[in-house]
């Protein structure tokens, strides 16, 4: 995965400017692909009956594809919550994080717009890919579910960033994709398992439907702040650069 520490110094030189542009475009196209292909898997039609297994697996595999495509460019956050976590983790400057978040929201909007443009009108249902609450779920239950699922997602991501796991980056796309699928399978029937304000924002703004929409902003963002801060303070351990490639280095070392 990309070493983002260079992005803590915006506009230091031409290389840094080019890196910011590269990261912006990677997040824009990556989040656009997430909404385009992910929401395409939520379309209900006769040949491909919508079901929770299909949707969860589809979103996870799309994330896998996008992380594989753009992980080396921007880290493929695809989610403002992950970007906030990276900022807390001291991997991004505030300026770089703001560029990421802008790219994610604009990419999500454009990706969903492209999907609506290419789908026949009969398949563009009013609730296509909307994250909504189950009818018997209370507000506090929904907040708790979104909070817990987002904490799990951020902790997996922080573990991928952990210096002790630097030799295990080849499987990062698989790990994150399967995490998304697992969490979507668990929480999807209850809240939609958004874990991502940009993912919920694009369908909501296109359908002009904002019922309980604030939950998909407040809960994931608070979860991201908590999870990243907790992991950084409690779990993260620094590793000397000389030890990174040491095959005897263990993930857990007790002095």
C-alpha atoms as a PDB file:
ATOM      1  CA  UNK A   1       0.000   0.000   0.000  1.00  0.00           C
ATOM      2  CA  UNK A   2       1.067   3.574  -0.531  1.00  0.00           C
ATOM      3  CA  UNK A   3       3.259   5.417   1.955  1.00  0.00           C
ATOM      4  CA  UNK A   4       1.022   8.397   2.659  1.00  0.00           C
ATOM      5  CA  UNK A   5       3.486  10.212   4.868  1.00  0.00           C
ATOM      6  CA  UNK A   6       4.629  12.223   1.856  1.00  0.00           C
ATOM      7  CA  UNK A   7       1.136  13.732   1.748  1.00  0.00           C
ATOM      8  CA  UNK A   8       1.648  15.437   5.096  1.00  0.00           C
ATOM      9  CA  UNK A   9       3.507  18.230   3.300  1.00  0.00           C
ATOM     10  CA  UNK A  10       1.122  19.779   0.725  1.00  0.00           C
ATOM     11  CA  UNK A  11       2.600  21.777  -2.148  1.00  0.00           C
ATOM     12  CA  UNK A  12       6.195  21.337  -0.998  1.00  0.00           C
ATOM     13  CA  UNK A  13       7.271  20.768  -4.581  1.00  0.00           C
ATOM     14  CA  UNK A  14       5.973  19.669  -7.957  1.00  0.00           C
ATOM     15  CA  UNK A  15       6.117  15.993  -7.074  1.00  0.00           C
ATOM     16  CA  UNK A  16       3.852  16.532  -4.071  1.00  0.00           C
ATOM     17  CA  UNK A  17       1.355  18.466  -6.210  1.00  0.00           C
ATOM     18  CA  UNK A  18       1.268  15.623  -8.716  1.00  0.00           C
ATOM     19  CA  UNK A  19       0.774  13.138  -5.888  1.00  0.00           C
ATOM     20  CA  UNK A  20      -2.242  15.095  -4.643  1.00  0.00           C
ATOM     21  CA  UNK A  21      -3.748  15.144  -8.127  1.00  0.00           C
ATOM     22  CA  UNK A  22      -3.117  11.412  -8.491  1.00  0.00           C
ATOM     23  CA  UNK A  23      -4.756  10.708  -5.133  1.00  0.00           C
ATOM     24  CA  UNK A  24      -7.745  12.932  -5.911  1.00  0.00           C
ATOM     25  CA  UNK A  25      -8.401  11.179  -9.214  1.00  0.00           C
ATOM     26  CA  UNK A  26      -7.892   7.746  -7.653  1.00  0.00           C
ATOM     27  CA  UNK A  27     -10.461   8.462  -4.941  1.00  0.00           C
ATOM     28  CA  UNK A  28     -12.839  10.045  -7.458  1.00  0.00           C
ATOM     29  CA  UNK A  29     -12.814   7.124  -9.875  1.00  0.00           C
ATOM     30  CA  UNK A  30     -12.580   4.526  -7.129  1.00  0.00           C
ATOM     31  CA  UNK A  31     -15.630   5.807  -5.256  1.00  0.00           C
ATOM     32  CA  UNK A  32     -17.447   6.247  -8.552  1.00  0.00           C
ATOM     33  CA  UNK A  33     -16.788   2.593  -9.369  1.00  0.00           C
ATOM     34  CA  UNK A  34     -17.998   1.600  -5.907  1.00  0.00           C
ATOM     35  CA  UNK A  35     -21.360   3.284  -6.454  1.00  0.00           C
ATOM     36  CA  UNK A  36     -21.685   2.284 -10.097  1.00  0.00           C
ATOM     37  CA  UNK A  37     -20.880  -1.415  -9.823  1.00  0.00           C
ATOM     38  CA  UNK A  38     -21.962  -1.835  -6.216  1.00  0.00           C
ATOM     39  CA  UNK A  39     -25.405  -0.350  -6.769  1.00  0.00           C
ATOM     40  CA  UNK A  40     -25.761  -2.217 -10.049  1.00  0.00           C
ATOM     41  CA  UNK A  41     -25.765  -5.367  -7.934  1.00  0.00           C
ATOM     42  CA  UNK A  42     -28.787  -4.031  -6.038  1.00  0.00           C
ATOM     43  CA  UNK A  43     -30.972  -3.819  -9.140  1.00  0.00           C
ATOM     44  CA  UNK A  44     -34.077  -5.992  -8.919  1.00  0.00           C
ATOM     45  CA  UNK A  45     -35.148  -7.721 -12.102  1.00  0.00           C
ATOM     46  CA  UNK A  46     -36.498 -11.054 -13.214  1.00  0.00           C
ATOM     47  CA  UNK A  47     -33.249 -12.765 -14.145  1.00  0.00           C
ATOM     48  CA  UNK A  48     -31.330 -11.519 -11.112  1.00  0.00           C
ATOM     49  CA  UNK A  49     -33.660 -11.407  -8.113  1.00  0.00           C
ATOM     50  CA  UNK A  50     -32.288  -9.062  -5.480  1.00  0.00           C
ATOM     51  CA  UNK A  51     -31.186 -10.701  -2.261  1.00  0.00           C
ATOM     52  CA  UNK A  52     -28.967  -9.759   0.643  1.00  0.00           C
ATOM     53  CA  UNK A  53     -26.289 -12.340  -0.178  1.00  0.00           C
ATOM     54  CA  UNK A  54     -25.909 -11.008  -3.703  1.00  0.00           C
ATOM     55  CA  UNK A  55     -25.711  -7.378  -2.604  1.00  0.00           C
ATOM     56  CA  UNK A  56     -23.225  -7.997   0.206  1.00  0.00           C
ATOM     57  CA  UNK A  57     -20.960 -10.193  -1.908  1.00  0.00           C
ATOM     58  CA  UNK A  58     -21.132  -7.755  -4.808  1.00  0.00           C
ATOM     59  CA  UNK A  59     -20.130  -4.730  -2.738  1.00  0.00           C
ATOM     60  CA  UNK A  60     -17.268  -6.643  -1.154  1.00  0.00           C
ATOM     61  CA  UNK A  61     -15.941  -7.811  -4.515  1.00  0.00           C
ATOM     62  CA  UNK A  62     -16.236  -4.310  -5.975  1.00  0.00           C
ATOM     63  CA  UNK A  63     -14.205  -2.962  -3.050  1.00  0.00           C
ATOM     64  CA  UNK A  64     -11.644  -5.708  -3.698  1.00  0.00           C
ATOM     65  CA  UNK A  65     -11.365  -4.636  -7.342  1.00  0.00           C
ATOM     66  CA  UNK A  66     -11.049  -0.940  -6.533  1.00  0.00           C
ATOM     67  CA  UNK A  67      -8.469  -1.474  -3.781  1.00  0.00           C
ATOM     68  CA  UNK A  68      -6.446  -3.583  -6.187  1.00  0.00           C
ATOM     69  CA  UNK A  69      -6.690  -0.845  -8.835  1.00  0.00           C
ATOM     70  CA  UNK A  70      -6.004   2.229  -6.722  1.00  0.00           C
ATOM     71  CA  UNK A  71      -4.471   0.988  -3.480  1.00  0.00           C
ATOM     72  CA  UNK A  72      -1.001   1.834  -4.772  1.00  0.00           C
ATOM     73  CA  UNK A  73      -2.122   5.323  -5.820  1.00  0.00           C
ATOM     74  CA  UNK A  74      -4.162   6.711  -2.929  1.00  0.00           C
ATOM     75  CA  UNK A  75      -4.790   3.750  -0.656  1.00  0.00           C
ATOM     76  CA  UNK A  76      -8.311   3.453  -2.090  1.00  0.00           C
ATOM     77  CA  UNK A  77     -10.114   4.815   0.958  1.00  0.00           C
ATOM     78  CA  UNK A  78     -13.442   5.228  -0.924  1.00  0.00           C
ATOM     79  CA  UNK A  79     -14.949   6.403   2.347  1.00  0.00           C
ATOM     80  CA  UNK A  80     -14.652   9.702   4.264  1.00  0.00           C
ATOM     81  CA  UNK A  81     -14.586   7.733   7.513  1.00  0.00           C
ATOM     82  CA  UNK A  82     -11.471   5.830   6.420  1.00  0.00           C
ATOM     83  CA  UNK A  83      -9.875   9.115   5.390  1.00  0.00           C
ATOM     84  CA  UNK A  84     -10.628  10.633   8.803  1.00  0.00           C
ATOM     85  CA  UNK A  85      -9.098   7.537  10.369  1.00  0.00           C
ATOM     86  CA  UNK A  86      -5.976   7.972   8.214  1.00  0.00           C
ATOM     87  CA  UNK A  87      -5.714  11.593   9.362  1.00  0.00           C
ATOM     88  CA  UNK A  88      -5.987  10.523  13.011  1.00  0.00           C
ATOM     89  CA  UNK A  89      -3.427   7.796  12.280  1.00  0.00           C
ATOM     90  CA  UNK A  90      -1.083  10.585  11.092  1.00  0.00           C
ATOM     91  CA  UNK A  91      -0.955   9.243   7.552  1.00  0.00           C
ATOM     92  CA  UNK A  92      -2.525  12.286   5.885  1.00  0.00           C
ATOM     93  CA  UNK A  93      -2.417  16.021   6.440  1.00  0.00           C
ATOM     94  CA  UNK A  94      -5.684  17.857   6.966  1.00  0.00           C
ATOM     95  CA  UNK A  95      -5.353  19.324   3.486  1.00  0.00           C
ATOM     96  CA  UNK A  96      -4.842  15.948   1.836  1.00  0.00           C
ATOM     97  CA  UNK A  97      -7.742  14.478   3.825  1.00  0.00           C
ATOM     98  CA  UNK A  98     -10.036  17.266   2.622  1.00  0.00           C
ATOM     99  CA  UNK A  99      -9.056  16.513  -0.988  1.00  0.00           C
ATOM    100  CA  UNK A 100      -9.805  12.842  -0.459  1.00  0.00           C
ATOM    101  CA  UNK A 101     -13.228  13.569   1.019  1.00  0.00           C
ATOM    102  CA  UNK A 102     -14.122  15.993  -1.780  1.00  0.00           C
ATOM    103  CA  UNK A 103     -13.106  13.384  -4.355  1.00  0.00           C
ATOM    104  CA  UNK A 104     -15.132  10.676  -2.613  1.00  0.00           C
ATOM    105  CA  UNK A 105     -18.377  12.636  -2.511  1.00  0.00           C
ATOM    106  CA  UNK A 106     -18.090  13.909  -6.074  1.00  0.00           C
ATOM    107  CA  UNK A 107     -17.069  10.460  -7.295  1.00  0.00           C
ATOM    108  CA  UNK A 108     -20.000   8.817  -5.519  1.00  0.00           C
ATOM    109  CA  UNK A 109     -22.419  11.329  -7.019  1.00  0.00           C
ATOM    110  CA  UNK A 110     -21.060  10.873 -10.539  1.00  0.00           C
ATOM    111  CA  UNK A 111     -20.882   7.084 -10.259  1.00  0.00           C
ATOM    112  CA  UNK A 112     -24.504   6.841  -9.208  1.00  0.00           C
ATOM    113  CA  UNK A 113     -25.502   9.337 -11.907  1.00  0.00           C
ATOM    114  CA  UNK A 114     -23.797   7.188 -14.544  1.00  0.00           C
ATOM    115  CA  UNK A 115     -25.646   4.117 -13.286  1.00  0.00           C
ATOM    116  CA  UNK A 116     -28.994   5.888 -13.583  1.00  0.00           C
ATOM    117  CA  UNK A 117     -28.067   7.093 -17.056  1.00  0.00           C
ATOM    118  CA  UNK A 118     -27.212   3.604 -18.323  1.00  0.00           C
ATOM    119  CA  UNK A 119     -30.019   1.642 -16.659  1.00  0.00           C
ATOM    120  CA  UNK A 120     -33.425   1.404 -18.334  1.00  0.00           C
ATOM    121  CA  UNK A 121     -36.023   3.517 -16.574  1.00  0.00           C
ATOM    122  CA  UNK A 122     -37.944   0.408 -15.517  1.00  0.00           C
ATOM    123  CA  UNK A 123     -35.016  -0.617 -13.300  1.00  0.00           C
ATOM    124  CA  UNK A 124     -34.442   2.800 -11.712  1.00  0.00           C
ATOM    125  CA  UNK A 125     -36.727   2.181  -8.765  1.00  0.00           C
ATOM    126  CA  UNK A 126     -37.318   5.002  -6.257  1.00  0.00           C
ATOM    127  CA  UNK A 127     -35.260   3.257  -3.583  1.00  0.00           C
ATOM    128  CA  UNK A 128     -32.442   1.899  -5.753  1.00  0.00           C
ATOM    129  CA  UNK A 129     -29.401   1.343  -3.511  1.00  0.00           C
ATOM    130  CA  UNK A 130     -30.828   3.501  -0.720  1.00  0.00           C
ATOM    131  CA  UNK A 131     -29.670   2.731   2.805  1.00  0.00           C
ATOM    132  CA  UNK A 132     -32.830   2.546   4.895  1.00  0.00           C
ATOM    133  CA  UNK A 133     -33.767   1.278   8.327  1.00  0.00           C
ATOM    134  CA  UNK A 134     -35.778  -1.838   8.985  1.00  0.00           C
ATOM    135  CA  UNK A 135     -39.284  -0.781  10.024  1.00  0.00           C
ATOM    136  CA  UNK A 136     -38.991  -2.143  13.568  1.00  0.00           C
ATOM    137  CA  UNK A 137     -35.491  -0.762  14.248  1.00  0.00           C
ATOM    138  CA  UNK A 138     -35.327   2.184  16.639  1.00  0.00           C
ATOM    139  CA  UNK A 139     -33.116   5.203  16.043  1.00  0.00           C
ATOM    140  CA  UNK A 140     -30.759   4.248  18.858  1.00  0.00           C
ATOM    141  CA  UNK A 141     -30.495   0.673  17.626  1.00  0.00           C
ATOM    142  CA  UNK A 142     -29.646   1.912  14.140  1.00  0.00           C
ATOM    143  CA  UNK A 143     -27.012   4.274  15.513  1.00  0.00           C
ATOM    144  CA  UNK A 144     -25.491   1.438  17.519  1.00  0.00           C
ATOM    145  CA  UNK A 145     -25.439  -0.998  14.606  1.00  0.00           C
ATOM    146  CA  UNK A 146     -23.828   1.494  12.222  1.00  0.00           C
ATOM    147  CA  UNK A 147     -21.358   2.467  14.932  1.00  0.00           C
ATOM    148  CA  UNK A 148     -20.287  -1.115  15.640  1.00  0.00           C
ATOM    149  CA  UNK A 149     -19.964  -2.144  11.997  1.00  0.00           C
ATOM    150  CA  UNK A 150     -17.928   0.961  11.197  1.00  0.00           C
ATOM    151  CA  UNK A 151     -15.643   0.351  14.176  1.00  0.00           C
ATOM    152  CA  UNK A 152     -14.960  -3.151  12.851  1.00  0.00           C
ATOM    153  CA  UNK A 153     -14.218  -1.801   9.370  1.00  0.00           C
ATOM    154  CA  UNK A 154     -11.862   0.886  10.671  1.00  0.00           C
ATOM    155  CA  UNK A 155     -10.023  -1.563  12.917  1.00  0.00           C
ATOM    156  CA  UNK A 156      -9.430  -3.901   9.983  1.00  0.00           C
ATOM    157  CA  UNK A 157      -8.133  -0.954   7.964  1.00  0.00           C
ATOM    158  CA  UNK A 158      -5.880   0.210  10.805  1.00  0.00           C
ATOM    159  CA  UNK A 159      -4.513  -3.323  11.059  1.00  0.00           C
ATOM    160  CA  UNK A 160      -3.675  -3.205   7.347  1.00  0.00           C
ATOM    161  CA  UNK A 161      -1.816   0.070   7.980  1.00  0.00           C
ATOM    162  CA  UNK A 162      -0.055  -1.275  11.075  1.00  0.00           C
ATOM    163  CA  UNK A 163       3.748  -1.287  10.588  1.00  0.00           C
ATOM    164  CA  UNK A 164       3.856  -4.882  11.832  1.00  0.00           C
ATOM    165  CA  UNK A 165       1.764  -5.956   8.840  1.00  0.00           C
ATOM    166  CA  UNK A 166       3.846  -4.218   6.204  1.00  0.00           C
ATOM    167  CA  UNK A 167       4.916  -7.572   4.724  1.00  0.00           C
ATOM    168  CA  UNK A 168       1.322  -8.726   4.287  1.00  0.00           C
ATOM    169  CA  UNK A 169       0.056  -6.090   1.861  1.00  0.00           C
ATOM    170  CA  UNK A 170      -0.524  -8.464  -1.050  1.00  0.00           C
ATOM    171  CA  UNK A 171      -3.753  -9.685   0.519  1.00  0.00           C
ATOM    172  CA  UNK A 172      -5.012  -6.264   1.651  1.00  0.00           C
ATOM    173  CA  UNK A 173      -7.629  -6.029  -1.103  1.00  0.00           C
ATOM    174  CA  UNK A 174      -9.018  -9.469  -0.247  1.00  0.00           C
ATOM    175  CA  UNK A 175      -9.120  -8.754   3.480  1.00  0.00           C
ATOM    176  CA  UNK A 176     -10.916  -5.442   3.115  1.00  0.00           C
ATOM    177  CA  UNK A 177     -13.333  -6.747   0.479  1.00  0.00           C
ATOM    178  CA  UNK A 178     -14.317  -9.750   2.584  1.00  0.00           C
ATOM    179  CA  UNK A 179     -14.712  -7.488   5.617  1.00  0.00           C
ATOM    180  CA  UNK A 180     -17.203  -5.349   3.706  1.00  0.00           C
ATOM    181  CA  UNK A 181     -19.137  -8.438   2.613  1.00  0.00           C
ATOM    182  CA  UNK A 182     -19.229  -9.907   6.120  1.00  0.00           C
ATOM    183  CA  UNK A 183     -20.429  -6.682   7.737  1.00  0.00           C
ATOM    184  CA  UNK A 184     -22.991  -6.108   4.980  1.00  0.00           C
ATOM    185  CA  UNK A 185     -24.370  -9.613   5.456  1.00  0.00           C
ATOM    186  CA  UNK A 186     -24.709  -9.021   9.186  1.00  0.00           C
ATOM    187  CA  UNK A 187     -26.108  -5.488   9.267  1.00  0.00           C
ATOM    188  CA  UNK A 188     -27.532  -5.025   5.775  1.00  0.00           C
ATOM    189  CA  UNK A 189     -31.058  -6.255   6.589  1.00  0.00           C
ATOM    190  CA  UNK A 190     -31.199  -3.935   9.609  1.00  0.00           C
ATOM    191  CA  UNK A 191     -29.725  -0.602   8.519  1.00  0.00           C
ATOM    192  CA  UNK A 192     -28.331  -1.149   5.030  1.00  0.00           C
ATOM    193  CA  UNK A 193     -24.805  -1.419   6.488  1.00  0.00           C
ATOM    194  CA  UNK A 194     -23.630   1.852   5.005  1.00  0.00           C
ATOM    195  CA  UNK A 195     -20.486   2.536   7.088  1.00  0.00           C
ATOM    196  CA  UNK A 196     -19.825   5.241   4.500  1.00  0.00           C
ATOM    197  CA  UNK A 197     -21.468   8.698   4.282  1.00  0.00           C
ATOM    198  CA  UNK A 198     -20.523   9.051   0.603  1.00  0.00           C
ATOM    199  CA  UNK A 199     -22.151   5.719  -0.267  1.00  0.00           C
ATOM    200  CA  UNK A 200     -25.452   6.810   1.345  1.00  0.00           C
ATOM    201  CA  UNK A 201     -25.218  10.406   0.142  1.00  0.00           C
ATOM    202  CA  UNK A 202     -25.327   9.797  -3.614  1.00  0.00           C
ATOM    203  CA  UNK A 203     -28.591   7.773  -3.780  1.00  0.00           C
ATOM    204  CA  UNK A 204     -30.218  10.052  -1.191  1.00  0.00           C
ATOM    205  CA  UNK A 205     -29.500  13.227  -3.103  1.00  0.00           C
ATOM    206  CA  UNK A 206     -30.586  11.728  -6.432  1.00  0.00           C
ATOM    207  CA  UNK A 207     -33.876  10.490  -4.965  1.00  0.00           C
ATOM    208  CA  UNK A 208     -34.308  13.540  -2.722  1.00  0.00           C
ATOM    209  CA  UNK A 209     -34.994  11.168   0.171  1.00  0.00           C
ATOM    210  CA  UNK A 210     -33.387  11.924   3.519  1.00  0.00           C
ATOM    211  CA  UNK A 211     -35.328   9.833   6.041  1.00  0.00           C
ATOM    212  CA  UNK A 212     -32.907   9.048   8.859  1.00  0.00           C
ATOM    213  CA  UNK A 213     -30.087  10.087   6.543  1.00  0.00           C
ATOM    214  CA  UNK A 214     -28.261  11.850   9.366  1.00  0.00           C
ATOM    215  CA  UNK A 215     -27.632   8.478  11.021  1.00  0.00           C
ATOM    216  CA  UNK A 216     -25.407   7.458   8.096  1.00  0.00           C
ATOM    217  CA  UNK A 217     -23.241  10.502   8.719  1.00  0.00           C
ATOM    218  CA  UNK A 218     -23.160  10.824  12.490  1.00  0.00           C
ATOM    219  CA  UNK A 219     -22.694   7.200  13.483  1.00  0.00           C
ATOM    220  CA  UNK A 220     -19.919   6.203  11.021  1.00  0.00           C
ATOM    221  CA  UNK A 221     -17.959   9.421  11.587  1.00  0.00           C
ATOM    222  CA  UNK A 222     -18.078   9.068  15.370  1.00  0.00           C
ATOM    223  CA  UNK A 223     -17.146   5.395  15.023  1.00  0.00           C
ATOM    224  CA  UNK A 224     -14.212   6.244  12.773  1.00  0.00           C
ATOM    225  CA  UNK A 225     -12.859   8.827  15.211  1.00  0.00           C
ATOM    226  CA  UNK A 226     -13.199   6.422  18.124  1.00  0.00           C
ATOM    227  CA  UNK A 227     -11.813   3.348  16.355  1.00  0.00           C
ATOM    228  CA  UNK A 228      -8.778   5.058  14.821  1.00  0.00           C
ATOM    229  CA  UNK A 229      -7.893   6.861  18.051  1.00  0.00           C
ATOM    230  CA  UNK A 230      -8.279   3.694  20.115  1.00  0.00           C
ATOM    231  CA  UNK A 231      -6.210   1.585  17.727  1.00  0.00           C
ATOM    232  CA  UNK A 232      -3.448   4.178  17.530  1.00  0.00           C
ATOM    233  CA  UNK A 233      -3.167   4.508  21.314  1.00  0.00           C
ATOM    234  CA  UNK A 234      -3.751   0.902  22.395  1.00  0.00           C
ATOM    235  CA  UNK A 235      -2.837  -1.485  19.581  1.00  0.00           C
ATOM    236  CA  UNK A 236      -0.347   0.209  17.273  1.00  0.00           C
ATOM    237  CA  UNK A 237       3.356  -0.464  17.780  1.00  0.00           C
ATOM    238  CA  UNK A 238       6.168   1.199  15.873  1.00  0.00           C
ATOM    239  CA  UNK A 239       8.697  -1.017  14.114  1.00  0.00           C
ATOM    240  CA  UNK A 240      12.263  -0.057  13.278  1.00  0.00           C
ATOM    241  CA  UNK A 241      12.825   0.199   9.544  1.00  0.00           C
ATOM    242  CA  UNK A 242      15.630  -2.353   9.844  1.00  0.00           C
ATOM    243  CA  UNK A 243      13.193  -4.895  11.269  1.00  0.00           C
ATOM    244  CA  UNK A 244      10.410  -4.485   8.716  1.00  0.00           C
ATOM    245  CA  UNK A 245      11.812  -7.148   6.389  1.00  0.00           C
ATOM    246  CA  UNK A 246      12.953  -9.403   9.193  1.00  0.00           C
ATOM    247  CA  UNK A 247      11.140 -12.738   8.666  1.00  0.00           C
ATOM    248  CA  UNK A 248      11.409 -13.446  12.397  1.00  0.00           C
ATOM    249  CA  UNK A 249       9.439 -10.325  13.339  1.00  0.00           C
ATOM    250  CA  UNK A 250       6.257 -11.354  15.108  1.00  0.00           C
ATOM    251  CA  UNK A 251       3.029  -9.381  15.192  1.00  0.00           C
ATOM    252  CA  UNK A 252       3.039  -9.616  18.990  1.00  0.00           C
ATOM    253  CA  UNK A 253       6.256  -9.097  20.892  1.00  0.00           C
ATOM    254  CA  UNK A 254       6.228  -8.985  24.682  1.00  0.00           C
ATOM    255  CA  UNK A 255       9.387  -7.550  26.231  1.00  0.00           C
END
